[in-house]
Amino acid sequence: MLGSAILERRLELEVSQEKLAEMASVHRNYVGKVERGEQNLTIETLVRFAVTFKCKPSELLAEAGL
């Protein structure tokens, strides 16, 4: 699940959902929903998370098994 990959990356950075949301310019509740698999990502948001994590969007997708 893509949310799990984002959660793992966030924990590696040792930042809160709130801080990740700030870094990726999204709402904190959105981060929580994504991590729990309750919210799908747009391509734009996937890119925002990838930029925040300093990786390629394809790396996040691969980590999620997609």
N, C-alpha and C. Protein backbone atom coordinates (compact mmCIF):
# COMPACT_ATOMS: atom_id res chain seq x y z
N MET A 1 0.84 -1.18 0.00
CA MET A 1 0.00 0.00 0.00
C MET A 1 0.89 1.25 0.00
N LEU A 2 0.51 2.21 -0.81
CA LEU A 2 1.30 3.42 -0.95
C LEU A 2 1.36 4.20 0.37
N GLY A 3 0.28 4.18 1.11
CA GLY A 3 0.27 4.86 2.41
C GLY A 3 1.31 4.31 3.36
N SER A 4 1.52 3.00 3.32
CA SER A 4 2.53 2.38 4.18
C SER A 4 3.93 2.85 3.81
N ALA A 5 4.17 2.98 2.51
CA ALA A 5 5.48 3.46 2.06
C ALA A 5 5.72 4.89 2.53
N ILE A 6 4.68 5.71 2.48
CA ILE A 6 4.81 7.09 2.94
C ILE A 6 5.01 7.13 4.44
N LEU A 7 4.29 6.31 5.16
CA LEU A 7 4.46 6.22 6.61
C LEU A 7 5.89 5.82 6.97
N GLU A 8 6.41 4.80 6.30
CA GLU A 8 7.78 4.35 6.58
C GLU A 8 8.79 5.46 6.31
N ARG A 9 8.63 6.16 5.20
CA ARG A 9 9.54 7.27 4.88
C ARG A 9 9.44 8.37 5.94
N ARG A 10 8.21 8.67 6.38
CA ARG A 10 8.03 9.71 7.39
C ARG A 10 8.71 9.33 8.69
N LEU A 11 8.57 8.06 9.08
CA LEU A 11 9.20 7.61 10.31
C LEU A 11 10.73 7.64 10.20
N GLU A 12 11.25 7.33 9.01
CA GLU A 12 12.70 7.41 8.80
C GLU A 12 13.19 8.85 8.98
N LEU A 13 12.37 9.81 8.55
CA LEU A 13 12.74 11.22 8.71
C LEU A 13 12.54 11.71 10.14
N GLU A 14 11.82 10.90 10.92
CA GLU A 14 11.50 11.25 12.31
C GLU A 14 10.75 12.57 12.39
N VAL A 15 9.70 12.69 11.56
CA VAL A 15 8.85 13.87 11.60
C VAL A 15 7.40 13.44 11.86
N SER A 16 6.64 14.35 12.41
CA SER A 16 5.23 14.10 12.68
C SER A 16 4.43 14.23 11.39
N GLN A 17 3.18 13.77 11.45
CA GLN A 17 2.29 13.96 10.31
C GLN A 17 2.13 15.44 10.02
N GLU A 18 2.03 16.22 11.06
CA GLU A 18 1.87 17.66 10.89
C GLU A 18 3.07 18.27 10.17
N LYS A 19 4.27 17.88 10.56
CA LYS A 19 5.48 18.41 9.93
C LYS A 19 5.58 17.96 8.48
N LEU A 20 5.26 16.68 8.21
CA LEU A 20 5.29 16.19 6.83
C LEU A 20 4.28 16.95 5.99
N ALA A 21 3.10 17.18 6.53
CA ALA A 21 2.08 17.93 5.81
C ALA A 21 2.58 19.34 5.46
N GLU A 22 3.23 19.96 6.41
CA GLU A 22 3.78 21.30 6.18
C GLU A 22 4.85 21.24 5.08
N MET A 23 5.71 20.26 5.14
CA MET A 23 6.79 20.14 4.16
C MET A 23 6.26 19.86 2.76
N ALA A 24 5.16 19.10 2.66
CA ALA A 24 4.60 18.73 1.35
C ALA A 24 3.45 19.64 0.92
N SER A 25 3.15 20.64 1.73
CA SER A 25 2.07 21.59 1.44
C SER A 25 0.71 20.91 1.28
N VAL A 26 0.40 20.02 2.22
CA VAL A 26 -0.91 19.37 2.28
C VAL A 26 -1.42 19.47 3.71
N HIS A 27 -2.69 19.14 3.91
CA HIS A 27 -3.28 19.21 5.25
C HIS A 27 -2.85 18.00 6.08
N ARG A 28 -2.68 18.18 7.38
CA ARG A 28 -2.26 17.08 8.26
C ARG A 28 -3.24 15.92 8.22
N ASN A 29 -4.54 16.22 8.19
CA ASN A 29 -5.53 15.15 8.11
C ASN A 29 -5.38 14.32 6.85
N TYR A 30 -4.96 14.96 5.78
CA TYR A 30 -4.74 14.27 4.51
C TYR A 30 -3.61 13.24 4.65
N VAL A 31 -2.54 13.62 5.32
CA VAL A 31 -1.42 12.70 5.54
C VAL A 31 -1.90 11.47 6.29
N GLY A 32 -2.65 11.68 7.35
CA GLY A 32 -3.16 10.55 8.13
C GLY A 32 -4.04 9.63 7.31
N LYS A 33 -4.92 10.21 6.50
CA LYS A 33 -5.80 9.40 5.66
C LYS A 33 -5.02 8.61 4.63
N VAL A 34 -4.01 9.22 4.05
CA VAL A 34 -3.16 8.53 3.07
C VAL A 34 -2.44 7.36 3.73
N GLU A 35 -1.85 7.61 4.88
CA GLU A 35 -1.10 6.56 5.58
C GLU A 35 -2.00 5.39 5.99
N ARG A 36 -3.26 5.67 6.28
CA ARG A 36 -4.19 4.61 6.67
C ARG A 36 -4.87 3.95 5.47
N GLY A 37 -4.59 4.46 4.27
CA GLY A 37 -5.20 3.90 3.08
C GLY A 37 -6.63 4.35 2.85
N GLU A 38 -7.04 5.42 3.49
CA GLU A 38 -8.40 5.94 3.36
C GLU A 38 -8.52 6.98 2.26
N GLN A 39 -7.39 7.45 1.75
CA GLN A 39 -7.38 8.52 0.75
C GLN A 39 -6.41 8.17 -0.36
N ASN A 40 -6.86 8.27 -1.60
CA ASN A 40 -5.98 8.06 -2.73
C ASN A 40 -5.19 9.33 -3.00
N LEU A 41 -4.01 9.15 -3.57
CA LEU A 41 -3.16 10.29 -3.92
C LEU A 41 -3.39 10.71 -5.36
N THR A 42 -3.27 11.99 -5.61
CA THR A 42 -3.19 12.46 -6.99
C THR A 42 -1.73 12.35 -7.41
N ILE A 43 -1.49 12.42 -8.68
CA ILE A 43 -0.10 12.40 -9.17
C ILE A 43 0.65 13.60 -8.59
N GLU A 44 -0.02 14.74 -8.55
CA GLU A 44 0.62 15.95 -8.02
C GLU A 44 1.05 15.75 -6.57
N THR A 45 0.19 15.14 -5.76
CA THR A 45 0.53 14.93 -4.36
C THR A 45 1.62 13.88 -4.21
N LEU A 46 1.59 12.86 -5.04
CA LEU A 46 2.66 11.85 -5.03
C LEU A 46 4.00 12.53 -5.29
N VAL A 47 4.02 13.44 -6.25
CA VAL A 47 5.25 14.17 -6.56
C VAL A 47 5.68 15.04 -5.39
N ARG A 48 4.72 15.68 -4.72
CA ARG A 48 5.06 16.51 -3.55
C ARG A 48 5.72 15.67 -2.46
N PHE A 49 5.15 14.49 -2.20
CA PHE A 49 5.76 13.62 -1.19
C PHE A 49 7.14 13.17 -1.64
N ALA A 50 7.29 12.82 -2.90
CA ALA A 50 8.60 12.39 -3.41
C ALA A 50 9.64 13.49 -3.26
N VAL A 51 9.27 14.71 -3.60
CA VAL A 51 10.19 15.84 -3.45
C VAL A 51 10.57 16.01 -1.98
N THR A 52 9.59 15.90 -1.12
CA THR A 52 9.84 16.02 0.32
C THR A 52 10.80 14.95 0.80
N PHE A 53 10.63 13.72 0.28
CA PHE A 53 11.47 12.60 0.69
C PHE A 53 12.78 12.52 -0.11
N LYS A 54 12.95 13.45 -1.07
CA LYS A 54 14.14 13.48 -1.93
C LYS A 54 14.33 12.15 -2.66
N CYS A 55 13.24 11.70 -3.27
CA CYS A 55 13.28 10.48 -4.07
C CYS A 55 12.41 10.68 -5.30
N LYS A 56 12.38 9.70 -6.17
CA LYS A 56 11.53 9.73 -7.34
C LYS A 56 10.16 9.15 -6.98
N PRO A 57 9.11 9.64 -7.61
CA PRO A 57 7.79 9.05 -7.37
C PRO A 57 7.78 7.54 -7.63
N SER A 58 8.54 7.10 -8.60
CA SER A 58 8.59 5.68 -8.93
C SER A 58 9.18 4.86 -7.77
N GLU A 59 10.06 5.45 -6.99
CA GLU A 59 10.62 4.74 -5.83
C GLU A 59 9.53 4.50 -4.78
N LEU A 60 8.69 5.50 -4.54
CA LEU A 60 7.59 5.31 -3.59
C LEU A 60 6.62 4.24 -4.09
N LEU A 61 6.34 4.28 -5.39
CA LEU A 61 5.44 3.27 -5.96
C LEU A 61 6.05 1.87 -5.85
N ALA A 62 7.34 1.76 -6.11
CA ALA A 62 8.01 0.46 -6.01
C ALA A 62 8.01 -0.07 -4.57
N GLU A 63 8.23 0.82 -3.62
CA GLU A 63 8.20 0.42 -2.21
C GLU A 63 6.81 -0.07 -1.80
N ALA A 64 5.79 0.45 -2.48
CA ALA A 64 4.41 0.06 -2.20
C ALA A 64 4.01 -1.20 -2.98
N GLY A 65 4.92 -1.68 -3.81
CA GLY A 65 4.64 -2.87 -4.61
C GLY A 65 3.77 -2.58 -5.81
N LEU A 66 3.81 -1.35 -6.27
CA LEU A 66 3.00 -0.95 -7.42
C LEU A 66 3.84 -0.72 -8.66
